[in-house]
Amino acid sequence: MTGSVRFIHKNIHVAWAVAAATFKEWSVYRTHTLVSVLVGPAYFAVQYFIWTAVYGSRPALAGMELNQIIRYFGATALIGYLTMDFADWNLSMLIRTGKFITFSLRPVHHRFFALSQKLGHRVLGLWLEFVPCILIFHFVFGVDMRPAHVPWAVLSVMLAFLINFHFNYILGLSAFWFVKADGMRRVVHLLSMLFSGALIPLAFLPKVLRITQYFLPFQYTVYVPSMVFIGDFHPSLIGYQAMAAVVTYVLSEWVYMRAMKRFCDVGA
């Protein structure tokens, strides 16, 4: 077995062990997870009544029909269960309390460890949040939430998963400079809600703002995977999303290296 093969095998083993441990740990608090199942349908119900009133007798707005907009917000709710992440909060807490030093001494990169945790946590969310929610949409609201193109939808959600994680990880690393980065996190999350398409589809924004979104990571975490989910997309969007995933990964590594130098500078 070559060195590279052993390295890959080792990382797969570590990721599996951490993900499995996280899955078991959060399974203990499954009641908390099950309560969050109500969030998606409640969010969807609000959007359903708002947009039904907005459309009225209009056949379409901003190139989207009412049926598309309903499925879009159903998709945002479902995808949110699969990509939800709190790496920024967790990392900033470790840095602020000094517990991060224990991870710096381990033979595993903390980002890889955190990503493995996220995998285990979201696999649990798949069964306890995503599946029940999609059944509620079908039987309660009568909305068919099957992806229009399953392979493309799976790929897009996976990329959104990685982009969301790496972006939040970068945000969490800012605690090395600001110590308590809660204010910055709130501002960024507010901008993310607006420019990711979570509050309103980006097709409804002014053209200038839509163009700038190609250079920001926000739309690739919600808007793009949701449009792919409902089948209203061009394959080039997946290409842009893949590029965003690579950029956020590289940027997270660069910021991490800078942060580790600062960490050592203060006597760690």
Protein backbone atom coordinates (compact mmCIF):
# COMPACT_ATOMS: atom_id res chain seq x y z
CA MET A 1 0.00 0.00 0.00
CA THR A 2 1.52 3.30 -1.10
CA GLY A 3 1.82 6.33 1.17
CA SER A 4 -0.97 8.27 -0.57
CA VAL A 5 -3.33 5.30 -0.36
CA ARG A 6 -2.57 4.87 3.35
CA PHE A 7 -3.17 8.59 3.88
CA ILE A 8 -6.58 8.42 2.16
CA HIS A 9 -7.51 5.23 4.03
CA LYS A 10 -6.54 6.83 7.34
CA ASN A 11 -8.59 9.97 6.65
CA ILE A 12 -11.64 7.92 5.66
CA HIS A 13 -11.31 5.92 8.88
CA VAL A 14 -10.99 9.08 10.98
CA ALA A 15 -13.93 10.78 9.23
CA TRP A 16 -16.11 7.70 9.69
CA ALA A 17 -15.20 7.37 13.39
CA VAL A 18 -15.83 11.06 14.16
CA ALA A 19 -19.05 11.17 12.12
CA ALA A 20 -20.35 7.99 13.80
CA ALA A 21 -19.51 9.34 17.27
CA THR A 22 -21.26 12.64 16.49
CA PHE A 23 -24.29 10.79 15.13
CA LYS A 24 -24.57 8.76 18.35
CA GLU A 25 -23.99 11.81 20.55
CA TRP A 26 -26.72 13.90 18.90
CA SER A 27 -29.07 10.91 18.75
CA VAL A 28 -29.34 11.26 22.52
CA TYR A 29 -30.88 14.69 21.95
CA ARG A 30 -33.19 13.54 19.14
CA THR A 31 -36.18 15.27 20.79
CA HIS A 32 -34.45 18.60 20.18
CA THR A 33 -33.85 17.57 16.57
CA LEU A 34 -37.44 16.47 16.09
CA VAL A 35 -38.72 19.83 17.37
CA SER A 36 -36.79 21.54 14.57
CA VAL A 37 -38.91 19.56 12.08
CA LEU A 38 -41.66 22.09 12.78
CA VAL A 39 -39.45 24.99 11.70
CA GLY A 40 -39.34 24.01 8.02
CA PRO A 41 -43.11 23.57 7.56
CA ALA A 42 -43.83 26.76 9.55
CA TYR A 43 -41.40 28.73 7.37
CA PHE A 44 -42.91 27.18 4.26
CA ALA A 45 -46.49 27.94 5.36
CA VAL A 46 -45.64 31.62 5.89
CA GLN A 47 -44.00 31.85 2.46
CA TYR A 48 -46.92 29.98 0.87
CA PHE A 49 -49.55 32.45 2.07
CA ILE A 50 -47.38 35.51 1.41
CA TRP A 51 -46.53 34.60 -2.17
CA THR A 52 -50.03 33.38 -2.97
CA ALA A 53 -51.28 36.84 -1.97
CA VAL A 54 -48.47 38.60 -3.89
CA TYR A 55 -49.15 36.72 -7.11
CA GLY A 56 -52.93 37.06 -6.94
CA SER A 57 -54.14 36.49 -10.49
CA ARG A 58 -50.72 37.15 -12.06
CA PRO A 59 -49.39 34.20 -14.07
CA ALA A 60 -45.75 34.96 -13.29
CA LEU A 61 -43.38 37.42 -11.59
CA ALA A 62 -39.68 37.89 -12.42
CA GLY A 63 -39.95 34.90 -14.75
CA MET A 64 -41.19 32.56 -12.02
CA GLU A 65 -44.69 31.07 -11.83
CA LEU A 66 -46.47 30.63 -8.50
CA ASN A 67 -45.94 26.85 -8.59
CA GLN A 68 -42.21 27.42 -9.05
CA ILE A 69 -41.98 29.88 -6.18
CA ILE A 70 -43.85 27.47 -3.87
CA ARG A 71 -41.49 24.62 -4.77
CA TYR A 72 -38.52 27.00 -4.43
CA PHE A 73 -39.30 27.82 -0.80
CA GLY A 74 -40.01 24.17 -0.10
CA ALA A 75 -36.56 23.39 -1.50
CA THR A 76 -34.87 26.09 0.62
CA ALA A 77 -36.41 24.59 3.75
CA LEU A 78 -35.36 21.05 2.85
CA ILE A 79 -31.84 22.00 1.75
CA GLY A 80 -31.41 24.00 4.95
CA TYR A 81 -31.77 20.77 6.92
CA LEU A 82 -28.94 19.18 4.90
CA THR A 83 -26.49 22.10 4.92
CA MET A 84 -27.16 23.67 8.35
CA ASP A 85 -23.88 24.49 10.04
CA PHE A 86 -22.58 26.19 13.19
CA ALA A 87 -18.83 25.81 12.63
CA ASP A 88 -18.40 29.55 13.13
CA TRP A 89 -19.99 29.52 16.59
CA ASN A 90 -18.26 26.34 17.68
CA LEU A 91 -14.82 27.45 16.50
CA SER A 92 -15.08 30.93 17.99
CA MET A 93 -16.14 29.35 21.30
CA LEU A 94 -13.10 27.04 21.30
CA ILE A 95 -10.79 29.96 20.57
CA ARG A 96 -12.35 32.27 23.16
CA THR A 97 -12.23 29.66 25.94
CA GLY A 98 -8.74 28.43 25.08
CA LYS A 99 -9.93 24.90 24.34
CA PHE A 100 -8.67 25.15 20.76
CA ILE A 101 -5.14 24.43 22.00
CA THR A 102 -6.14 20.81 22.65
CA PHE A 103 -7.01 20.45 18.95
CA SER A 104 -3.75 22.03 17.83
CA LEU A 105 -1.90 19.19 19.57
CA ARG A 106 -3.85 16.44 17.80
CA PRO A 107 -2.58 14.71 14.63
CA VAL A 108 -5.80 15.63 12.78
CA HIS A 109 -6.44 19.03 11.19
CA HIS A 110 -9.22 20.70 13.17
CA ARG A 111 -11.08 21.68 9.99
CA PHE A 112 -11.19 18.04 8.89
CA PHE A 113 -12.35 17.03 12.37
CA ALA A 114 -15.09 19.70 12.32
CA LEU A 115 -16.19 18.66 8.82
CA SER A 116 -16.44 15.03 9.96
CA GLN A 117 -18.58 16.15 12.89
CA LYS A 118 -20.83 18.05 10.48
CA LEU A 119 -21.24 14.95 8.32
CA GLY A 120 -22.45 12.89 11.27
CA HIS A 121 -24.73 15.67 12.48
CA ARG A 122 -26.35 16.20 9.07
CA VAL A 123 -26.80 12.46 8.41
CA LEU A 124 -28.89 12.46 11.57
CA GLY A 125 -30.71 15.53 10.24
CA LEU A 126 -31.41 13.68 7.01
CA TRP A 127 -33.43 11.03 8.84
CA LEU A 128 -34.98 13.08 11.63
CA GLU A 129 -35.58 16.40 9.81
CA PHE A 130 -35.37 16.13 6.02
CA VAL A 131 -37.43 12.96 5.52
CA PRO A 132 -40.28 13.91 7.93
CA CYS A 133 -40.40 17.42 6.44
CA ILE A 134 -40.67 16.21 2.86
CA LEU A 135 -43.54 13.92 3.95
CA ILE A 136 -45.29 16.86 5.63
CA PHE A 137 -44.99 18.91 2.45
CA HIS A 138 -46.50 16.07 0.46
CA PHE A 139 -49.36 14.98 2.72
CA VAL A 140 -50.24 18.26 4.48
CA PHE A 141 -49.56 20.89 1.81
CA GLY A 142 -49.99 18.65 -1.23
CA VAL A 143 -46.72 19.87 -2.78
CA ASP A 144 -44.55 17.44 -4.73
CA MET A 145 -41.00 18.08 -3.52
CA ARG A 146 -39.22 15.41 -5.52
CA PRO A 147 -36.07 16.86 -7.18
CA ALA A 148 -36.48 17.52 -10.90
CA HIS A 149 -33.04 16.02 -11.64
CA VAL A 150 -31.82 13.88 -8.75
CA PRO A 151 -28.08 13.56 -9.72
CA TRP A 152 -27.72 17.32 -10.31
CA ALA A 153 -29.64 18.11 -7.12
CA VAL A 154 -27.48 15.77 -5.02
CA LEU A 155 -24.28 17.26 -6.48
CA SER A 156 -25.48 20.83 -5.93
CA VAL A 157 -26.50 20.16 -2.32
CA MET A 158 -23.13 18.52 -1.62
CA LEU A 159 -21.32 21.57 -2.99
CA ALA A 160 -23.58 23.88 -0.95
CA PHE A 161 -22.75 21.76 2.10
CA LEU A 162 -19.00 22.29 1.57
CA ILE A 163 -19.28 26.00 0.73
CA ASN A 164 -21.42 26.70 3.77
CA PHE A 165 -19.03 24.83 6.06
CA HIS A 166 -15.82 26.42 4.76
CA PHE A 167 -17.32 29.91 4.75
CA ASN A 168 -18.51 29.53 8.34
CA TYR A 169 -15.14 28.09 9.32
CA ILE A 170 -13.42 31.19 7.95
CA LEU A 171 -15.87 33.31 9.92
CA GLY A 172 -15.07 31.35 13.07
CA LEU A 173 -11.33 31.84 12.53
CA SER A 174 -11.86 35.60 12.78
CA ALA A 175 -12.01 35.05 16.56
CA PHE A 176 -8.20 34.81 16.48
CA TRP A 177 -8.20 38.51 15.66
CA PHE A 178 -11.40 39.76 17.30
CA VAL A 179 -11.61 37.24 20.21
CA LYS A 180 -15.37 37.77 20.49
CA ALA A 181 -16.66 37.79 16.91
CA ASP A 182 -20.39 37.56 17.66
CA GLY A 183 -21.12 40.99 16.16
CA MET A 184 -19.38 40.18 12.89
CA ARG A 185 -21.10 36.80 12.73
CA ARG A 186 -24.53 38.43 13.11
CA VAL A 187 -23.83 40.96 10.36
CA VAL A 188 -22.55 38.30 7.96
CA HIS A 189 -25.50 36.01 8.68
CA LEU A 190 -27.90 38.89 8.02
CA LEU A 191 -26.23 39.57 4.67
CA SER A 192 -26.29 35.85 3.95
CA MET A 193 -30.05 35.65 4.59
CA LEU A 194 -30.65 38.48 2.11
CA PHE A 195 -28.18 37.62 -0.62
CA SER A 196 -28.38 33.82 -0.47
CA GLY A 197 -31.99 33.74 -1.64
CA ALA A 198 -33.33 32.47 1.68
CA LEU A 199 -35.71 35.44 2.13
CA ILE A 200 -36.48 36.17 -1.52
CA PRO A 201 -35.38 34.54 -4.81
CA LEU A 202 -32.47 36.44 -6.31
CA ALA A 203 -34.43 36.80 -9.56
CA PHE A 204 -36.46 39.50 -7.77
CA LEU A 205 -33.39 41.59 -6.90
CA PRO A 206 -32.14 44.47 -9.12
CA LYS A 207 -29.86 43.39 -11.98
CA VAL A 208 -26.79 45.07 -10.47
CA LEU A 209 -27.13 43.08 -7.25
CA ARG A 210 -27.73 39.84 -9.17
CA ILE A 211 -24.45 40.30 -11.07
CA THR A 212 -22.45 40.86 -7.88
CA GLN A 213 -23.76 37.57 -6.50
CA TYR A 214 -21.53 35.64 -8.89
CA PHE A 215 -18.53 36.88 -6.90
CA LEU A 216 -19.99 36.13 -3.47
CA PRO A 217 -20.51 32.67 -1.90
CA PHE A 218 -24.00 33.31 -0.55
CA GLN A 219 -26.12 32.35 -3.56
CA TYR A 220 -24.32 29.03 -3.92
CA THR A 221 -25.53 27.87 -0.51
CA VAL A 222 -29.28 28.41 -0.99
CA TYR A 223 -30.44 29.94 -4.28
CA VAL A 224 -28.46 27.79 -6.72
CA PRO A 225 -29.16 24.39 -5.04
CA SER A 226 -32.84 25.36 -4.68
CA MET A 227 -33.13 26.28 -8.37
CA VAL A 228 -31.36 23.03 -9.29
CA PHE A 229 -33.75 21.17 -6.99
CA ILE A 230 -36.83 22.53 -8.79
CA GLY A 231 -35.19 22.06 -12.20
CA ASP A 232 -34.91 25.71 -13.27
CA PHE A 233 -31.17 26.03 -13.93
CA HIS A 234 -28.36 25.89 -16.48
CA PRO A 235 -25.52 23.37 -15.93
CA SER A 236 -23.03 26.25 -15.87
CA LEU A 237 -24.43 27.18 -12.46
CA ILE A 238 -23.07 23.91 -11.08
CA GLY A 239 -19.69 24.83 -12.54
CA TYR A 240 -19.73 28.20 -10.79
CA GLN A 241 -20.79 26.47 -7.60
CA ALA A 242 -17.90 24.00 -7.85
CA MET A 243 -15.49 26.91 -8.35
CA ALA A 244 -16.93 28.59 -5.25
CA ALA A 245 -16.39 25.38 -3.27
CA VAL A 246 -12.72 25.29 -4.30
CA VAL A 247 -12.21 28.99 -3.55
CA THR A 248 -13.75 28.77 -0.06
CA TYR A 249 -11.64 25.69 0.72
CA VAL A 250 -8.40 27.36 -0.39
CA LEU A 251 -9.32 30.57 1.43
CA SER A 252 -10.12 28.65 4.62
CA GLU A 253 -6.68 27.00 4.50
CA TRP A 254 -4.95 30.35 3.93
CA VAL A 255 -6.79 32.00 6.82
CA TYR A 256 -6.12 28.96 9.01
CA MET A 257 -2.37 29.18 8.37
CA ARG A 258 -2.40 32.90 9.18
CA ALA A 259 -4.42 32.20 12.32
CA MET A 260 -1.97 29.50 13.48
CA LYS A 261 0.93 31.96 13.16
CA ARG A 262 -1.00 34.43 15.28
CA PHE A 263 -1.88 31.63 17.72
CA CYS A 264 1.81 30.83 18.19
CA ASP A 265 2.70 34.52 18.47
CA VAL A 266 0.68 34.87 21.64
CA GLY A 267 2.55 32.06 23.41
CA ALA A 268 0.43 28.99 22.69
